[in-house]
Amino acid sequence: MKQGIFISYSDYDKEKVDLIVNELEGNTKFFPIVIAFKREALKPLAQKVADGIIQAKVILPILTKKSIPTQWINQEIGFATALSKHIMPIVESDLIDNLKGFIHKQIDLPYNFQPNANKALENEYFAIQIRSLLADLEENFQKINDFYSRQHNWMDLAVGFDSEPKTIANIILGEVMEYKYSNNNKLYRLKPEPYDPELDNFYKDFDGLTLTNIIAKRKI
């Protein structure tokens, strides 16, 4: 299923929105959510924005000298932050040192473009950052899909055990489950509940590890 990318922008940067939409054309994993494109009669703009952010998997703010002073982008980022949405901004490089609030220079801002008096050249820089961002998103979501696949396969391990798996420890991101074979050998797995994307790199390491090794990775 395709995931939505909500584009947060100022009207001053419409050409950059078009660049993102063009890059997403034909993309099999993501689709753009642009509120200006959504026609819903009598629905207040604020509600359309809120619904779009709720629907989206990723929030992509375009932060430029022209967009930073507008209240809409700041409010949209704040709302998305409150919902724990994945926020991946594209930032005009000259702004980074002066950013304050939810997005600031102390956090990693890898997708930034150099402004240029030649708008065609600036848009070329911007498009490169879009492609880089989308490539990273696709890689991350592939890891999540792999995680679900591994989770499904690992739950099949319970078949053939002489008893139901037992929770023997709670760790920050889930529960340690003990599986017991009929020959009294034991196997320990991490059962995440609820699922957290941060588990992906963590969870993939638990293929046949001992309880001691599991506990060493996260404080009980």
N, C-alpha and C. Protein backbone atom coordinates (compact mmCIF):
# COMPACT_ATOMS: atom_id res chain seq x y z
N MET A 1 0.84 -1.19 0.00
CA MET A 1 0.00 0.00 0.00
C MET A 1 0.88 1.25 0.00
N LYS A 2 0.51 2.23 -0.82
CA LYS A 2 1.27 3.47 -0.88
C LYS A 2 1.09 4.28 0.40
N GLN A 3 2.15 4.99 0.78
CA GLN A 3 2.11 5.85 1.96
C GLN A 3 2.09 7.31 1.51
N GLY A 4 1.35 8.13 2.27
CA GLY A 4 1.21 9.54 1.91
C GLY A 4 2.34 10.40 2.45
N ILE A 5 2.79 11.34 1.64
CA ILE A 5 3.76 12.35 2.07
C ILE A 5 3.06 13.70 2.03
N PHE A 6 2.85 14.27 3.21
CA PHE A 6 2.19 15.57 3.30
C PHE A 6 3.23 16.66 3.06
N ILE A 7 2.99 17.50 2.07
CA ILE A 7 3.93 18.57 1.73
C ILE A 7 3.45 19.85 2.39
N SER A 8 4.27 20.36 3.32
CA SER A 8 3.97 21.59 4.03
C SER A 8 4.78 22.71 3.38
N TYR A 9 4.09 23.74 2.90
CA TYR A 9 4.79 24.74 2.09
C TYR A 9 4.08 26.09 2.15
N SER A 10 4.79 27.10 1.70
CA SER A 10 4.22 28.43 1.52
C SER A 10 3.84 28.60 0.05
N ASP A 11 2.85 29.45 -0.21
CA ASP A 11 2.46 29.72 -1.60
C ASP A 11 3.62 30.29 -2.40
N TYR A 12 4.60 30.89 -1.71
CA TYR A 12 5.77 31.44 -2.41
C TYR A 12 6.63 30.34 -3.04
N ASP A 13 6.46 29.11 -2.58
CA ASP A 13 7.32 28.01 -3.04
C ASP A 13 6.55 26.96 -3.84
N LYS A 14 5.53 27.39 -4.54
CA LYS A 14 4.70 26.44 -5.29
C LYS A 14 5.50 25.66 -6.33
N GLU A 15 6.50 26.32 -6.93
CA GLU A 15 7.27 25.61 -7.97
C GLU A 15 8.04 24.44 -7.37
N LYS A 16 8.42 24.55 -6.09
CA LYS A 16 9.13 23.45 -5.43
C LYS A 16 8.17 22.32 -5.11
N VAL A 17 6.93 22.66 -4.79
CA VAL A 17 5.91 21.63 -4.60
C VAL A 17 5.73 20.84 -5.89
N ASP A 18 5.68 21.54 -7.00
CA ASP A 18 5.53 20.87 -8.30
C ASP A 18 6.70 19.92 -8.57
N LEU A 19 7.89 20.32 -8.16
CA LEU A 19 9.06 19.45 -8.35
C LEU A 19 8.91 18.16 -7.55
N ILE A 20 8.41 18.27 -6.32
CA ILE A 20 8.22 17.08 -5.50
C ILE A 20 7.14 16.18 -6.11
N VAL A 21 6.04 16.80 -6.51
CA VAL A 21 4.94 16.02 -7.11
C VAL A 21 5.44 15.31 -8.37
N ASN A 22 6.24 15.98 -9.19
CA ASN A 22 6.77 15.36 -10.40
C ASN A 22 7.68 14.18 -10.08
N GLU A 23 8.50 14.32 -9.02
CA GLU A 23 9.38 13.23 -8.63
C GLU A 23 8.60 12.02 -8.12
N LEU A 24 7.42 12.27 -7.55
CA LEU A 24 6.61 11.17 -7.01
C LEU A 24 5.72 10.53 -8.05
N GLU A 25 5.65 11.14 -9.23
CA GLU A 25 4.80 10.57 -10.28
C GLU A 25 5.29 9.17 -10.64
N GLY A 26 4.41 8.22 -10.54
CA GLY A 26 4.77 6.84 -10.86
C GLY A 26 5.47 6.10 -9.74
N ASN A 27 5.69 6.76 -8.60
CA ASN A 27 6.34 6.10 -7.46
C ASN A 27 5.41 5.03 -6.91
N THR A 28 5.92 3.85 -6.68
CA THR A 28 5.09 2.72 -6.24
C THR A 28 4.92 2.66 -4.72
N LYS A 29 5.65 3.50 -3.99
CA LYS A 29 5.61 3.42 -2.52
C LYS A 29 4.98 4.64 -1.86
N PHE A 30 5.04 5.80 -2.52
CA PHE A 30 4.57 7.03 -1.89
C PHE A 30 3.73 7.86 -2.85
N PHE A 31 2.84 8.65 -2.28
CA PHE A 31 2.06 9.61 -3.08
C PHE A 31 2.03 10.95 -2.33
N PRO A 32 1.94 12.06 -3.05
CA PRO A 32 1.95 13.38 -2.40
C PRO A 32 0.58 13.75 -1.87
N ILE A 33 0.57 14.41 -0.73
CA ILE A 33 -0.66 15.01 -0.20
C ILE A 33 -0.45 16.52 -0.21
N VAL A 34 -1.14 17.18 -1.14
CA VAL A 34 -1.04 18.63 -1.29
C VAL A 34 -2.45 19.18 -1.08
N ILE A 35 -2.64 19.91 0.01
CA ILE A 35 -3.98 20.34 0.38
C ILE A 35 -4.63 21.19 -0.70
N ALA A 36 -3.84 22.00 -1.40
CA ALA A 36 -4.40 22.85 -2.46
C ALA A 36 -5.02 22.03 -3.58
N PHE A 37 -4.59 20.76 -3.72
CA PHE A 37 -5.12 19.90 -4.77
C PHE A 37 -6.41 19.20 -4.34
N LYS A 38 -6.73 19.24 -3.03
CA LYS A 38 -7.88 18.49 -2.52
C LYS A 38 -9.11 19.39 -2.52
N ARG A 39 -10.08 19.01 -3.31
CA ARG A 39 -11.32 19.79 -3.39
C ARG A 39 -12.38 19.11 -2.53
N GLU A 40 -12.75 19.76 -1.43
CA GLU A 40 -13.78 19.23 -0.54
C GLU A 40 -14.69 20.38 -0.16
N ALA A 41 -15.81 20.44 -0.83
CA ALA A 41 -16.73 21.57 -0.67
C ALA A 41 -17.14 21.78 0.78
N LEU A 42 -17.11 23.04 1.21
CA LEU A 42 -17.56 23.50 2.51
C LEU A 42 -16.68 23.03 3.68
N LYS A 43 -15.61 22.33 3.40
CA LYS A 43 -14.74 21.86 4.48
C LYS A 43 -13.71 22.95 4.80
N PRO A 44 -13.59 23.37 6.07
CA PRO A 44 -12.63 24.42 6.42
C PRO A 44 -11.19 24.01 6.09
N LEU A 45 -10.40 24.99 5.70
CA LEU A 45 -9.01 24.71 5.33
C LEU A 45 -8.25 24.06 6.48
N ALA A 46 -8.45 24.57 7.70
CA ALA A 46 -7.74 24.02 8.85
C ALA A 46 -8.04 22.53 9.03
N GLN A 47 -9.29 22.14 8.79
CA GLN A 47 -9.66 20.72 8.92
C GLN A 47 -9.03 19.89 7.81
N LYS A 48 -8.98 20.46 6.60
CA LYS A 48 -8.34 19.75 5.49
C LYS A 48 -6.87 19.50 5.79
N VAL A 49 -6.20 20.51 6.34
CA VAL A 49 -4.79 20.37 6.70
C VAL A 49 -4.62 19.30 7.77
N ALA A 50 -5.44 19.36 8.82
CA ALA A 50 -5.34 18.38 9.91
C ALA A 50 -5.57 16.97 9.38
N ASP A 51 -6.58 16.79 8.55
CA ASP A 51 -6.87 15.47 7.99
C ASP A 51 -5.72 14.96 7.13
N GLY A 52 -5.12 15.88 6.37
CA GLY A 52 -3.99 15.48 5.52
C GLY A 52 -2.80 15.02 6.33
N ILE A 53 -2.51 15.72 7.42
CA ILE A 53 -1.38 15.35 8.28
C ILE A 53 -1.66 14.01 8.96
N ILE A 54 -2.89 13.82 9.42
CA ILE A 54 -3.25 12.55 10.07
C ILE A 54 -3.11 11.40 9.08
N GLN A 55 -3.51 11.62 7.84
CA GLN A 55 -3.44 10.57 6.82
C GLN A 55 -2.01 10.22 6.45
N ALA A 56 -1.12 11.21 6.53
CA ALA A 56 0.24 11.04 5.99
C ALA A 56 1.10 10.15 6.89
N LYS A 57 2.03 9.47 6.26
CA LYS A 57 3.06 8.72 6.98
C LYS A 57 4.28 9.60 7.24
N VAL A 58 4.51 10.54 6.32
CA VAL A 58 5.68 11.41 6.39
C VAL A 58 5.24 12.85 6.15
N ILE A 59 5.84 13.78 6.89
CA ILE A 59 5.58 15.22 6.69
C ILE A 59 6.84 15.82 6.09
N LEU A 60 6.68 16.51 4.96
CA LEU A 60 7.82 17.09 4.26
C LEU A 60 7.65 18.61 4.21
N PRO A 61 8.19 19.34 5.17
CA PRO A 61 8.13 20.80 5.11
C PRO A 61 9.20 21.35 4.16
N ILE A 62 8.84 22.36 3.40
CA ILE A 62 9.81 23.09 2.57
C ILE A 62 10.12 24.38 3.32
N LEU A 63 11.35 24.49 3.85
CA LEU A 63 11.71 25.64 4.66
C LEU A 63 12.64 26.57 3.88
N THR A 64 12.11 27.73 3.55
CA THR A 64 12.87 28.73 2.81
C THR A 64 12.73 30.07 3.52
N LYS A 65 13.49 31.06 3.07
CA LYS A 65 13.37 32.39 3.67
C LYS A 65 11.96 32.94 3.53
N LYS A 66 11.28 32.55 2.47
CA LYS A 66 9.92 33.04 2.25
C LYS A 66 8.89 32.29 3.09
N SER A 67 9.15 31.00 3.34
CA SER A 67 8.14 30.21 4.04
C SER A 67 8.24 30.27 5.56
N ILE A 68 9.45 30.49 6.08
CA ILE A 68 9.66 30.47 7.53
C ILE A 68 8.75 31.46 8.29
N PRO A 69 8.54 32.69 7.76
CA PRO A 69 7.71 33.64 8.52
C PRO A 69 6.22 33.28 8.55
N THR A 70 5.76 32.36 7.70
CA THR A 70 4.33 32.06 7.64
C THR A 70 3.92 31.17 8.80
N GLN A 71 2.73 31.42 9.33
CA GLN A 71 2.28 30.67 10.49
C GLN A 71 1.84 29.25 10.13
N TRP A 72 1.40 29.04 8.91
CA TRP A 72 0.86 27.73 8.55
C TRP A 72 1.89 26.63 8.69
N ILE A 73 3.08 26.84 8.15
CA ILE A 73 4.10 25.79 8.21
C ILE A 73 4.47 25.48 9.67
N ASN A 74 4.64 26.51 10.48
CA ASN A 74 4.97 26.29 11.89
C ASN A 74 3.87 25.51 12.60
N GLN A 75 2.63 25.84 12.32
CA GLN A 75 1.51 25.14 12.95
C GLN A 75 1.42 23.70 12.47
N GLU A 76 1.67 23.50 11.18
CA GLU A 76 1.61 22.14 10.63
C GLU A 76 2.71 21.26 11.23
N ILE A 77 3.91 21.81 11.37
CA ILE A 77 5.01 21.05 11.97
C ILE A 77 4.69 20.73 13.43
N GLY A 78 4.12 21.71 14.15
CA GLY A 78 3.76 21.48 15.54
C GLY A 78 2.70 20.40 15.69
N PHE A 79 1.69 20.42 14.83
CA PHE A 79 0.63 19.41 14.87
C PHE A 79 1.19 18.04 14.54
N ALA A 80 2.04 17.98 13.51
CA ALA A 80 2.65 16.71 13.12
C ALA A 80 3.54 16.15 14.23
N THR A 81 4.26 17.05 14.92
CA THR A 81 5.11 16.63 16.03
C THR A 81 4.27 16.05 17.15
N ALA A 82 3.14 16.67 17.45
CA ALA A 82 2.25 16.18 18.50
C ALA A 82 1.72 14.78 18.18
N LEU A 83 1.60 14.49 16.88
CA LEU A 83 1.11 13.17 16.45
C LEU A 83 2.24 12.17 16.25
N SER A 84 3.48 12.60 16.57
CA SER A 84 4.67 11.74 16.40
C SER A 84 4.86 11.30 14.96
N LYS A 85 4.55 12.19 14.03
CA LYS A 85 4.75 11.88 12.62
C LYS A 85 6.24 11.97 12.27
N HIS A 86 6.62 11.27 11.22
CA HIS A 86 8.01 11.30 10.75
C HIS A 86 8.18 12.56 9.90
N ILE A 87 8.99 13.51 10.37
CA ILE A 87 9.15 14.81 9.70
C ILE A 87 10.51 14.86 9.02
N MET A 88 10.50 15.11 7.71
CA MET A 88 11.73 15.16 6.92
C MET A 88 11.75 16.44 6.11
N PRO A 89 12.28 17.53 6.65
CA PRO A 89 12.26 18.81 5.95
C PRO A 89 13.34 18.92 4.88
N ILE A 90 13.05 19.72 3.87
CA ILE A 90 14.07 20.18 2.93
C ILE A 90 14.29 21.66 3.23
N VAL A 91 15.54 22.02 3.52
CA VAL A 91 15.83 23.35 4.07
C VAL A 91 16.77 24.14 3.17
N GLU A 92 16.45 25.40 2.99
CA GLU A 92 17.37 26.31 2.32
C GLU A 92 18.62 26.44 3.20
N SER A 93 19.77 26.13 2.66
CA SER A 93 20.99 25.98 3.48
C SER A 93 21.34 27.22 4.29
N ASP A 94 21.07 28.40 3.75
CA ASP A 94 21.40 29.65 4.45
C ASP A 94 20.60 29.85 5.74
N LEU A 95 19.52 29.07 5.89
CA LEU A 95 18.64 29.24 7.05
C LEU A 95 19.06 28.40 8.26
N ILE A 96 19.84 27.37 8.04
CA ILE A 96 20.05 26.35 9.07
C ILE A 96 20.51 26.95 10.40
N ASP A 97 21.46 27.84 10.37
CA ASP A 97 22.01 28.39 11.61
C ASP A 97 21.00 29.24 12.39
N ASN A 98 19.96 29.70 11.72
CA ASN A 98 18.99 30.58 12.37
C ASN A 98 17.67 29.90 12.71
N LEU A 99 17.56 28.61 12.44
CA LEU A 99 16.30 27.90 12.70
C LEU A 99 16.08 27.73 14.20
N LYS A 100 14.83 27.93 14.62
CA LYS A 100 14.45 27.74 16.01
C LYS A 100 13.12 26.99 16.04
N GLY A 101 12.81 26.41 17.19
CA GLY A 101 11.55 25.71 17.33
C GLY A 101 11.72 24.21 17.14
N PHE A 102 10.73 23.58 16.52
CA PHE A 102 10.76 22.13 16.35
C PHE A 102 11.90 21.67 15.45
N ILE A 103 12.25 22.49 14.47
CA ILE A 103 13.35 22.17 13.56
C ILE A 103 14.45 23.20 13.75
N HIS A 104 15.62 22.74 14.12
CA HIS A 104 16.71 23.67 14.44
C HIS A 104 18.05 23.03 14.07
N LYS A 105 19.12 23.80 14.19
CA LYS A 105 20.42 23.35 13.69
C LYS A 105 21.03 22.24 14.52
N GLN A 106 20.51 21.98 15.73
CA GLN A 106 21.07 20.92 16.55
C GLN A 106 20.62 19.53 16.12
N ILE A 107 19.65 19.45 15.22
CA ILE A 107 19.23 18.15 14.71
C ILE A 107 19.78 17.97 13.29
N ASP A 108 19.84 16.72 12.86
CA ASP A 108 20.38 16.43 11.54
C ASP A 108 19.43 16.93 10.46
N LEU A 109 19.94 17.76 9.58
CA LEU A 109 19.16 18.29 8.46
C LEU A 109 19.91 17.99 7.16
N PRO A 110 19.89 16.74 6.73
CA PRO A 110 20.72 16.34 5.59
C PRO A 110 20.22 16.81 4.23
N TYR A 111 18.93 17.17 4.16
CA TYR A 111 18.36 17.55 2.87
C TYR A 111 18.26 19.07 2.79
N ASN A 112 19.31 19.68 2.28
CA ASN A 112 19.31 21.14 2.18
C ASN A 112 19.86 21.55 0.81
N PHE A 113 19.35 22.66 0.32
CA PHE A 113 19.73 23.11 -1.02
C PHE A 113 20.26 24.54 -0.96
N GLN A 114 21.11 24.84 -1.89
CA GLN A 114 21.74 26.16 -1.97
C GLN A 114 20.86 27.10 -2.80
N PRO A 115 20.43 28.24 -2.23
CA PRO A 115 19.66 29.19 -3.03
C PRO A 115 20.53 29.80 -4.12
N ASN A 116 19.90 30.20 -5.19
CA ASN A 116 20.66 30.75 -6.31
C ASN A 116 19.80 31.77 -7.06
N ALA A 117 20.41 32.84 -7.51
CA ALA A 117 19.68 33.85 -8.27
C ALA A 117 19.12 33.24 -9.56
N ASN A 118 19.82 32.23 -10.06
CA ASN A 118 19.33 31.48 -11.22
C ASN A 118 18.35 30.43 -10.72
N LYS A 119 17.05 30.67 -10.87
CA LYS A 119 16.03 29.78 -10.31
C LYS A 119 16.08 28.38 -10.90
N ALA A 120 16.45 28.28 -12.16
CA ALA A 120 16.56 26.96 -12.78
C ALA A 120 17.63 26.14 -12.08
N LEU A 121 18.75 26.78 -11.75
CA LEU A 121 19.83 26.10 -11.06
C LEU A 121 19.42 25.76 -9.62
N GLU A 122 18.74 26.69 -8.96
CA GLU A 122 18.26 26.42 -7.60
C GLU A 122 17.31 25.22 -7.58
N ASN A 123 16.41 25.17 -8.55
CA ASN A 123 15.47 24.07 -8.62
C ASN A 123 16.17 22.74 -8.92
N GLU A 124 17.28 22.81 -9.65
CA GLU A 124 18.05 21.61 -9.92
C GLU A 124 18.67 21.09 -8.62
N TYR A 125 19.21 21.99 -7.80
CA TYR A 125 19.76 21.61 -6.49
C TYR A 125 18.64 21.01 -5.62
N PHE A 126 17.48 21.65 -5.67
CA PHE A 126 16.35 21.21 -4.86
C PHE A 126 15.91 19.80 -5.28
N ALA A 127 15.84 19.56 -6.57
CA ALA A 127 15.41 18.25 -7.08
C ALA A 127 16.37 17.14 -6.65
N ILE A 128 17.65 17.45 -6.59
CA ILE A 128 18.64 16.45 -6.14
C ILE A 128 18.34 16.04 -4.70
N GLN A 129 17.98 17.02 -3.86
CA GLN A 129 17.67 16.72 -2.47
C GLN A 129 16.38 15.90 -2.35
N ILE A 130 15.41 16.19 -3.19
CA ILE A 130 14.18 15.40 -3.20
C ILE A 130 14.49 13.94 -3.49
N ARG A 131 15.32 13.71 -4.52
CA ARG A 131 15.64 12.33 -4.90
C ARG A 131 16.37 11.61 -3.77
N SER A 132 17.25 12.32 -3.11
CA SER A 132 17.99 11.74 -1.99
C SER A 132 17.04 11.39 -0.85
N LEU A 133 16.12 12.30 -0.54
CA LEU A 133 15.15 12.07 0.53
C LEU A 133 14.27 10.87 0.21
N LEU A 134 13.76 10.79 -1.01
CA LEU A 134 12.88 9.69 -1.39
C LEU A 134 13.63 8.36 -1.37
N ALA A 135 14.89 8.37 -1.79
CA ALA A 135 15.69 7.14 -1.76
C ALA A 135 15.86 6.65 -0.33
N ASP A 136 16.11 7.58 0.60
CA ASP A 136 16.25 7.20 2.01
C ASP A 136 14.93 6.69 2.57
N LEU A 137 13.83 7.33 2.21
CA LEU A 137 12.53 6.88 2.67
C LEU A 137 12.23 5.46 2.19
N GLU A 138 12.50 5.21 0.91
CA GLU A 138 12.24 3.89 0.36
C GLU A 138 13.07 2.82 1.06
N GLU A 139 14.31 3.15 1.36
CA GLU A 139 15.18 2.21 2.07
C GLU A 139 14.65 1.93 3.47
N ASN A 140 14.23 2.99 4.17
CA ASN A 140 13.72 2.82 5.53
C ASN A 140 12.45 2.00 5.56
N PHE A 141 11.54 2.27 4.61
CA PHE A 141 10.29 1.53 4.60
C PHE A 141 10.49 0.08 4.16
N GLN A 142 11.51 -0.17 3.36
CA GLN A 142 11.82 -1.55 3.01
C GLN A 142 12.29 -2.31 4.24
N LYS A 143 13.06 -1.64 5.10
CA LYS A 143 13.50 -2.27 6.35
C LYS A 143 12.31 -2.62 7.23
N ILE A 144 11.32 -1.72 7.27
CA ILE A 144 10.13 -1.99 8.07
C ILE A 144 9.37 -3.19 7.50
N ASN A 145 9.25 -3.25 6.17
CA ASN A 145 8.58 -4.39 5.55
C ASN A 145 9.32 -5.68 5.86
N ASP A 146 10.64 -5.62 5.82
CA ASP A 146 11.44 -6.80 6.16
C ASP A 146 11.21 -7.20 7.61
N PHE A 147 11.08 -6.18 8.47
CA PHE A 147 10.82 -6.45 9.88
C PHE A 147 9.54 -7.25 10.05
N TYR A 148 8.46 -6.80 9.39
CA TYR A 148 7.19 -7.50 9.52
C TYR A 148 7.31 -8.93 8.99
N SER A 149 8.06 -9.11 7.91
CA SER A 149 8.27 -10.44 7.36
C SER A 149 8.99 -11.33 8.36
N ARG A 150 10.04 -10.78 8.99
CA ARG A 150 10.77 -11.56 9.99
C ARG A 150 9.88 -11.88 11.18
N GLN A 151 9.08 -10.89 11.59
CA GLN A 151 8.20 -11.10 12.74
C GLN A 151 7.24 -12.25 12.45
N HIS A 152 6.68 -12.29 11.25
CA HIS A 152 5.76 -13.35 10.88
C HIS A 152 6.46 -14.70 10.92
N ASN A 153 7.66 -14.78 10.34
CA ASN A 153 8.39 -16.04 10.30
C ASN A 153 8.76 -16.51 11.70
N TRP A 154 9.14 -15.56 12.56
CA TRP A 154 9.58 -15.93 13.90
C TRP A 154 8.42 -16.43 14.75
N MET A 155 7.25 -15.87 14.55
CA MET A 155 6.11 -16.35 15.33
C MET A 155 5.78 -17.79 14.97
N ASP A 156 6.13 -18.21 13.74
CA ASP A 156 5.92 -19.60 13.35
C ASP A 156 6.77 -20.56 14.17
N LEU A 157 7.82 -20.03 14.81
CA LEU A 157 8.70 -20.89 15.61
C LEU A 157 7.98 -21.49 16.81
N ALA A 158 6.89 -20.85 17.21
CA ALA A 158 6.17 -21.35 18.38
C ALA A 158 5.54 -22.71 18.11
N VAL A 159 5.29 -23.02 16.86
CA VAL A 159 4.71 -24.31 16.50
C VAL A 159 5.70 -25.42 16.83
N GLY A 160 5.26 -26.43 17.54
CA GLY A 160 6.15 -27.55 17.87
C GLY A 160 6.78 -27.44 19.24
N PHE A 161 6.62 -26.33 19.92
CA PHE A 161 7.13 -26.22 21.28
C PHE A 161 6.16 -26.94 22.22
N ASP A 162 6.69 -27.39 23.33
CA ASP A 162 5.85 -28.18 24.23
C ASP A 162 5.02 -27.33 25.17
N SER A 163 5.19 -26.00 25.10
CA SER A 163 4.36 -25.12 25.92
C SER A 163 4.26 -23.76 25.25
N GLU A 164 3.31 -22.97 25.71
CA GLU A 164 3.17 -21.63 25.18
C GLU A 164 4.37 -20.78 25.57
N PRO A 165 4.82 -19.87 24.72
CA PRO A 165 5.93 -18.99 25.10
C PRO A 165 5.57 -18.18 26.34
N LYS A 166 6.55 -17.94 27.16
CA LYS A 166 6.33 -17.26 28.43
C LYS A 166 7.12 -15.95 28.47
N THR A 167 6.48 -14.89 28.94
CA THR A 167 7.18 -13.62 29.12
C THR A 167 8.05 -13.72 30.37
N ILE A 168 9.35 -13.53 30.20
CA ILE A 168 10.24 -13.64 31.36
C ILE A 168 10.92 -12.33 31.71
N ALA A 169 10.80 -11.33 30.84
CA ALA A 169 11.41 -10.04 31.15
C ALA A 169 10.77 -8.96 30.29
N ASN A 170 10.65 -7.77 30.83
CA ASN A 170 10.18 -6.61 30.08
C ASN A 170 11.36 -5.69 29.85
N ILE A 171 11.58 -5.30 28.59
CA ILE A 171 12.63 -4.35 28.30
C ILE A 171 12.00 -3.14 27.65
N ILE A 172 12.77 -2.11 27.44
CA ILE A 172 12.22 -0.81 27.04
C ILE A 172 11.33 -0.91 25.80
N LEU A 173 11.74 -1.70 24.82
CA LEU A 173 11.00 -1.72 23.56
C LEU A 173 10.17 -2.98 23.36
N GLY A 174 10.00 -3.80 24.39
CA GLY A 174 9.18 -4.98 24.20
C GLY A 174 9.35 -5.99 25.33
N GLU A 175 8.98 -7.25 25.06
CA GLU A 175 9.06 -8.31 26.05
C GLU A 175 10.01 -9.39 25.57
N VAL A 176 10.74 -9.98 26.49
CA VAL A 176 11.55 -11.15 26.15
C VAL A 176 10.69 -12.39 26.37
N MET A 177 10.52 -13.17 25.33
CA MET A 177 9.70 -14.38 25.39
C MET A 177 10.61 -15.60 25.42
N GLU A 178 10.29 -16.56 26.28
CA GLU A 178 11.04 -17.80 26.36
C GLU A 178 10.25 -18.91 25.67
N TYR A 179 10.88 -19.55 24.69
CA TYR A 179 10.29 -20.70 24.01
C TYR A 179 11.03 -21.96 24.48
N LYS A 180 10.28 -23.00 24.81
CA LYS A 180 10.89 -24.22 25.33
C LYS A 180 10.62 -25.39 24.39
N TYR A 181 11.70 -26.01 23.90
CA TYR A 181 11.57 -27.19 23.05
C TYR A 181 11.24 -28.41 23.91
N SER A 182 10.75 -29.46 23.26
CA SER A 182 10.43 -30.69 23.98
C SER A 182 11.67 -31.32 24.61
N ASN A 183 12.86 -31.00 24.05
CA ASN A 183 14.09 -31.55 24.62
C ASN A 183 14.69 -30.63 25.68
N ASN A 184 13.89 -29.66 26.14
CA ASN A 184 14.27 -28.71 27.19
C ASN A 184 15.26 -27.63 26.74
N ASN A 185 15.66 -27.62 25.47
CA ASN A 185 16.41 -26.48 24.98
C ASN A 185 15.50 -25.25 24.97
N LYS A 186 16.08 -24.10 25.14
CA LYS A 186 15.29 -22.88 25.19
C LYS A 186 15.74 -21.88 24.15
N LEU A 187 14.81 -21.09 23.68
CA LEU A 187 15.10 -20.05 22.70
C LEU A 187 14.47 -18.76 23.18
N TYR A 188 15.18 -17.65 23.10
CA TYR A 188 14.67 -16.37 23.57
C TYR A 188 14.49 -15.41 22.39
N ARG A 189 13.33 -14.80 22.34
CA ARG A 189 13.01 -13.84 21.28
C ARG A 189 12.45 -12.57 21.90
N LEU A 190 12.60 -11.50 21.15
CA LEU A 190 11.99 -10.24 21.57
C LEU A 190 10.65 -10.09 20.87
N LYS A 191 9.62 -9.85 21.64
CA LYS A 191 8.29 -9.60 21.08
C LYS A 191 7.95 -8.13 21.28
N PRO A 192 8.02 -7.30 20.25
CA PRO A 192 7.71 -5.87 20.42
C PRO A 192 6.21 -5.63 20.51
N GLU A 193 5.81 -4.85 21.48
CA GLU A 193 4.40 -4.53 21.63
C GLU A 193 4.27 -3.20 22.34
N PRO A 194 3.82 -2.13 21.71
CA PRO A 194 3.45 -2.08 20.30
C PRO A 194 4.66 -1.92 19.39
N TYR A 195 4.47 -2.06 18.11
CA TYR A 195 5.57 -1.93 17.16
C TYR A 195 6.11 -0.50 17.16
N ASP A 196 7.41 -0.37 17.12
CA ASP A 196 8.08 0.93 17.04
C ASP A 196 9.12 0.84 15.93
N PRO A 197 9.14 1.81 14.98
CA PRO A 197 10.13 1.74 13.90
C PRO A 197 11.56 1.62 14.39
N GLU A 198 11.84 2.14 15.61
CA GLU A 198 13.20 2.05 16.12
C GLU A 198 13.63 0.61 16.36
N LEU A 199 12.64 -0.29 16.43
CA LEU A 199 12.97 -1.69 16.69
C LEU A 199 13.67 -2.35 15.52
N ASP A 200 13.56 -1.78 14.34
CA ASP A 200 14.03 -2.50 13.16
C ASP A 200 15.47 -2.96 13.28
N ASN A 201 16.39 -2.02 13.53
CA ASN A 201 17.79 -2.40 13.64
C ASN A 201 18.05 -3.22 14.90
N PHE A 202 17.23 -2.99 15.94
CA PHE A 202 17.38 -3.70 17.20
C PHE A 202 16.91 -5.15 17.07
N TYR A 203 15.71 -5.31 16.50
CA TYR A 203 15.05 -6.60 16.47
C TYR A 203 15.78 -7.60 15.57
N LYS A 204 16.36 -7.14 14.48
CA LYS A 204 16.95 -8.06 13.52
C LYS A 204 18.14 -8.82 14.10
N ASP A 205 18.67 -8.35 15.23
CA ASP A 205 19.82 -9.00 15.83
C ASP A 205 19.44 -10.20 16.69
N PHE A 206 18.16 -10.42 16.95
CA PHE A 206 17.75 -11.46 17.88
C PHE A 206 17.37 -12.76 17.19
N ASP A 207 18.28 -13.32 16.46
CA ASP A 207 18.02 -14.59 15.80
C ASP A 207 18.82 -15.68 16.52
N GLY A 208 18.22 -16.28 17.53
CA GLY A 208 18.87 -17.36 18.25
C GLY A 208 19.80 -16.90 19.35
N LEU A 209 19.70 -15.64 19.80
CA LEU A 209 20.58 -15.17 20.85
C LEU A 209 20.12 -15.71 22.21
N THR A 210 21.02 -15.69 23.17
CA THR A 210 20.67 -16.11 24.52
C THR A 210 20.01 -14.96 25.26
N LEU A 211 19.37 -15.29 26.36
CA LEU A 211 18.72 -14.27 27.17
C LEU A 211 19.73 -13.24 27.64
N THR A 212 20.91 -13.68 28.01
CA THR A 212 21.94 -12.75 28.48
C THR A 212 22.29 -11.73 27.41
N ASN A 213 22.43 -12.18 26.18
CA ASN A 213 22.76 -11.28 25.09
C ASN A 213 21.65 -10.28 24.81
N ILE A 214 20.42 -10.74 24.94
CA ILE A 214 19.27 -9.86 24.72
C ILE A 214 19.25 -8.76 25.77
N ILE A 215 19.38 -9.14 27.02
CA ILE A 215 19.32 -8.18 28.11
C ILE A 215 20.45 -7.16 28.00
N ALA A 216 21.58 -7.60 27.52
CA ALA A 216 22.73 -6.69 27.40
C ALA A 216 22.46 -5.57 26.41
N LYS A 217 21.54 -5.77 25.50
CA LYS A 217 21.27 -4.77 24.48
C LYS A 217 20.30 -3.69 24.96
N ARG A 218 19.47 -3.99 25.91
CA ARG A 218 18.53 -3.01 26.43
C ARG A 218 18.39 -3.21 27.93
N LYS A 219 18.33 -2.13 28.65
CA LYS A 219 18.20 -2.20 30.11
C LYS A 219 16.79 -2.67 30.49
N ILE A 220 16.71 -3.62 31.38
CA ILE A 220 15.40 -4.13 31.81
C ILE A 220 14.72 -3.10 32.72
